[in-house]
Amino acid sequence: TLLRSIFCLFLLLLQVGFFPSECVELINDKVPQSMTNSVPKPVSKKHGKLITFLRTFMKSRPTKQKLKQRGILKERVFGCDLGEHLLNSGHDVPQVLKSCTEFIEKHGIVDGIYRLSGIASNIQKLRHEFDSEQIPDLTKDIYIQDIHCVGSLCKLYFRELPNPLLTYQLYEKFSDAVSAATDEERLVKIHDVIQQLPPPHYR
C-alpha cells in the first residue's frame, strides 16, 4: 500500500511537470499494469494546491549564504575536504592548524609533543570550539598544563581529512620516492612529488 501511494504521488508530480519526462522512460517497462490502471489521470484541485504549495516552499528556501550569515549553518572544520574548507573559510591554511602550530612553536618544546596523547576531554573541547567557528584561547591553564592535547588535535585534524594531506592520487609516487636508493635521490624525488600536490595541500 505504501509503495502504491509513493508511486501514485510520483506519477501525479510527473503529470504536473515536477519531474522531467525522461525519468519515466527508465521505469516505464517495469511498472505493473495493475498499478498504472489505478492511477487517475486528471489532477484534482486538492492535489493542484499541494503541488503549488510544494513549488512555493522549494523556491522560498534561503540560500546557503543567507543561512551562514544568520548563523544557522556552520561549516565543518574536522572531516571536511581541505580544498572545500579553505574555499568556504577564505583562508590559505586552516585556522585550526595555524592556531595550534603557533601555540606549539611557543610552548611545545617538550618531549614527545606529537608522540604523547593529550587528555581526551581537552581534545574534544578544542575540537568542538573550532567546529563552532570559534578560535579557542590556547593560553588557558587547562591547555598549558596539557600541551599534548594541542599536538593531538593537529593529528586528529589530519587523520579525519577525507583525502589525506599527501593525497590518495600521489600515494604511489610518494611510496616510490621514499624507496629511492640514496638519501640524495630520495630528497630529489620527494621534492618533485611535493610540487605535484594540489595548492591547498601544498600550502
Protein backbone atom coordinates (compact mmCIF):
# COMPACT_ATOMS: atom_id res chain seq x y z
CA THR A 1 0.00 0.00 0.00
CA LEU A 2 2.83 2.41 0.89
CA LEU A 3 4.67 1.59 -2.33
CA ARG A 4 1.48 2.14 -4.33
CA SER A 5 0.94 5.54 -2.64
CA ILE A 6 4.51 6.65 -3.34
CA PHE A 7 4.19 5.57 -6.96
CA CYS A 8 0.87 7.43 -7.31
CA LEU A 9 2.44 10.59 -5.88
CA PHE A 10 5.36 10.25 -8.28
CA LEU A 11 3.02 9.95 -11.27
CA LEU A 12 0.98 12.90 -10.01
CA LEU A 13 4.08 15.08 -9.73
CA LEU A 14 5.15 13.91 -13.16
CA GLN A 15 1.81 14.92 -14.69
CA VAL A 16 2.10 18.48 -13.41
CA GLY A 17 5.66 18.85 -14.67
CA PHE A 18 7.59 18.34 -11.44
CA PHE A 19 9.89 15.72 -12.98
CA PRO A 20 11.35 15.60 -16.48
CA SER A 21 9.69 13.09 -18.79
CA GLU A 22 12.97 11.18 -19.20
CA CYS A 23 12.51 9.78 -15.67
CA VAL A 24 9.53 7.77 -16.82
CA GLU A 25 11.46 6.15 -19.65
CA LEU A 26 13.67 4.42 -17.10
CA ILE A 27 10.84 2.71 -15.21
CA ASN A 28 8.04 2.56 -17.80
CA ASP A 29 8.53 -1.10 -18.76
CA LYS A 30 8.85 -2.30 -15.18
CA VAL A 31 5.59 -0.83 -13.85
CA PRO A 32 2.87 -3.47 -13.33
CA GLN A 33 -0.26 -2.84 -15.42
CA SER A 34 -2.45 -3.02 -12.30
CA MET A 35 -0.68 0.00 -10.79
CA THR A 36 -0.84 2.20 -13.85
CA ASN A 37 -4.55 1.48 -14.28
CA SER A 38 -5.31 2.51 -10.71
CA VAL A 39 -3.79 6.00 -11.05
CA PRO A 40 -6.35 8.65 -12.01
CA LYS A 41 -5.29 10.76 -15.00
CA PRO A 42 -6.66 14.22 -14.12
CA VAL A 43 -5.08 16.21 -11.28
CA SER A 44 -7.65 17.08 -8.66
CA LYS A 45 -7.99 20.60 -7.27
CA LYS A 46 -6.68 19.48 -3.90
CA HIS A 47 -3.55 17.97 -5.45
CA GLY A 48 -3.04 21.08 -7.57
CA LYS A 49 -2.93 23.21 -4.41
CA LEU A 50 -0.48 20.80 -2.82
CA ILE A 51 1.82 20.98 -5.83
CA THR A 52 1.62 24.80 -5.85
CA PHE A 53 2.47 24.85 -2.14
CA LEU A 54 5.45 22.50 -2.65
CA ARG A 55 6.77 24.59 -5.53
CA THR A 56 6.45 27.81 -3.50
CA PHE A 57 8.12 26.18 -0.50
CA MET A 58 11.07 24.90 -2.57
CA LYS A 59 11.58 28.30 -4.24
CA SER A 60 11.39 30.25 -0.97
CA ARG A 61 14.14 28.30 0.79
CA PRO A 62 17.00 30.59 1.93
CA THR A 63 20.35 30.22 0.19
CA LYS A 64 23.36 28.63 1.85
CA GLN A 65 24.96 32.08 2.08
CA LYS A 66 21.96 33.56 3.95
CA LEU A 67 21.88 30.64 6.38
CA LYS A 68 25.58 31.24 7.12
CA GLN A 69 25.01 34.98 7.65
CA ARG A 70 22.23 34.24 10.15
CA GLY A 71 24.48 31.79 12.00
CA ILE A 72 22.12 28.87 11.32
CA LEU A 73 24.51 26.96 9.07
CA LYS A 74 28.09 26.42 10.21
CA GLU A 75 30.84 24.93 8.08
CA ARG A 76 32.53 21.83 9.42
CA VAL A 77 36.26 22.01 10.13
CA PHE A 78 37.08 18.41 11.01
CA GLY A 79 36.30 15.71 8.43
CA CYS A 80 35.81 18.26 5.65
CA ASP A 81 37.75 18.23 2.37
CA LEU A 82 40.76 20.55 2.71
CA GLY A 83 40.17 22.47 -0.54
CA GLU A 84 36.44 22.86 0.17
CA HIS A 85 37.09 24.04 3.74
CA LEU A 86 39.62 26.67 2.63
CA LEU A 87 37.31 27.87 -0.14
CA ASN A 88 34.44 28.31 2.36
CA SER A 89 36.57 29.92 5.07
CA GLY A 90 38.63 32.17 2.77
CA HIS A 91 41.89 31.15 4.49
CA ASP A 92 45.10 29.91 2.87
CA VAL A 93 45.74 27.46 5.72
CA PRO A 94 43.09 26.04 8.11
CA GLN A 95 42.73 28.22 11.23
CA VAL A 96 42.91 25.15 13.46
CA LEU A 97 46.41 24.33 12.15
CA LYS A 98 47.56 27.95 12.27
CA SER A 99 46.48 28.38 15.91
CA CYS A 100 47.86 25.02 17.03
CA THR A 101 51.24 25.36 15.31
CA GLU A 102 51.75 28.91 16.66
CA PHE A 103 50.97 27.61 20.16
CA ILE A 104 53.32 24.62 19.76
CA GLU A 105 56.15 26.82 18.43
CA LYS A 106 55.82 28.98 21.55
CA HIS A 107 55.05 26.44 24.30
CA GLY A 108 55.64 22.97 22.87
CA ILE A 109 59.35 22.44 23.42
CA VAL A 110 58.71 19.32 25.47
CA ASP A 111 59.44 15.63 24.97
CA GLY A 112 57.08 13.82 22.60
CA ILE A 113 54.84 16.76 21.66
CA TYR A 114 53.34 14.69 18.81
CA ARG A 115 54.14 11.25 20.23
CA LEU A 116 52.27 11.52 23.54
CA SER A 117 48.49 11.95 23.60
CA GLY A 118 46.66 14.73 25.40
CA ILE A 119 43.65 14.31 27.68
CA ALA A 120 40.69 13.19 25.54
CA SER A 121 38.21 15.67 27.11
CA ASN A 122 40.54 18.60 26.35
CA ILE A 123 40.99 17.45 22.75
CA GLN A 124 37.21 17.16 22.28
CA LYS A 125 36.64 20.58 23.87
CA LEU A 126 39.12 22.18 21.44
CA ARG A 127 37.63 20.30 18.50
CA HIS A 128 34.13 21.49 19.40
CA GLU A 129 35.26 25.13 19.61
CA PHE A 130 36.99 25.03 16.23
CA ASP A 131 33.98 23.24 14.68
CA SER A 132 31.77 26.03 16.09
CA GLU A 133 33.88 28.56 14.14
CA GLN A 134 35.44 29.91 17.34
CA ILE A 135 39.16 30.34 17.96
CA PRO A 136 39.79 28.97 21.45
CA ASP A 137 42.19 30.66 23.83
CA LEU A 138 45.02 28.12 23.92
CA THR A 139 46.84 30.08 26.64
CA LYS A 140 44.32 28.93 29.28
CA ASP A 141 45.89 26.95 32.12
CA ILE A 142 43.95 23.82 31.12
CA TYR A 143 45.80 23.72 27.76
CA ILE A 144 49.17 24.99 29.03
CA GLN A 145 49.16 22.13 31.57
CA ASP A 146 48.16 19.65 28.85
CA ILE A 147 50.26 20.84 25.90
CA HIS A 148 49.96 17.41 24.26
CA CYS A 149 46.22 17.94 23.64
CA VAL A 150 47.12 20.63 21.07
CA GLY A 151 49.51 18.27 19.24
CA SER A 152 46.83 15.56 19.40
CA LEU A 153 44.28 17.97 17.90
CA CYS A 154 46.59 18.59 14.91
CA LYS A 155 46.95 14.85 14.36
CA LEU A 156 43.17 14.42 14.66
CA TYR A 157 42.61 17.09 12.01
CA PHE A 158 44.96 15.38 9.55
CA ARG A 159 43.59 11.92 10.36
CA GLU A 160 39.99 12.96 9.58
CA LEU A 161 40.70 14.58 6.20
CA PRO A 162 38.64 12.67 3.58
CA ASN A 163 41.58 12.94 1.16
CA PRO A 164 44.88 12.83 3.13
CA LEU A 165 47.32 15.73 3.11
CA LEU A 166 49.61 13.88 0.67
CA THR A 167 46.50 12.74 -1.31
CA TYR A 168 45.47 9.27 -2.43
CA GLN A 169 46.30 10.23 -6.02
CA LEU A 170 50.02 10.73 -5.23
CA TYR A 171 50.36 7.81 -2.79
CA GLU A 172 52.25 5.56 -5.24
CA LYS A 173 54.64 8.37 -6.21
CA PHE A 174 55.44 9.17 -2.56
CA SER A 175 55.93 5.45 -1.90
CA ASP A 176 58.38 5.19 -4.81
CA ALA A 177 60.19 8.36 -3.72
CA VAL A 178 60.89 7.15 -0.16
CA SER A 179 62.13 3.83 -1.56
CA ALA A 180 64.95 5.53 -3.53
CA ALA A 181 68.42 4.05 -3.03
CA THR A 182 70.34 7.08 -1.71
CA ASP A 183 69.39 9.98 0.58
CA GLU A 184 70.15 12.49 -2.17
CA GLU A 185 67.96 10.69 -4.74
CA ARG A 186 65.20 10.28 -2.15
CA LEU A 187 65.25 14.03 -1.39
CA VAL A 188 65.04 14.98 -5.08
CA LYS A 189 62.16 12.56 -5.73
CA ILE A 190 60.16 13.62 -2.65
CA HIS A 191 60.66 17.29 -3.59
CA ASP A 192 59.41 16.52 -7.11
CA VAL A 193 56.25 14.79 -5.83
CA ILE A 194 55.52 17.57 -3.32
CA GLN A 195 55.46 20.02 -6.24
CA GLN A 196 52.59 17.99 -7.73
CA LEU A 197 50.29 18.43 -4.71
CA PRO A 198 47.11 20.50 -5.20
CA PRO A 199 47.65 24.11 -3.95
CA PRO A 200 45.65 23.74 -0.67
CA HIS A 201 47.59 20.58 0.21
CA TYR A 202 50.91 22.10 -0.87
CA ARG A 203 50.39 25.18 1.35
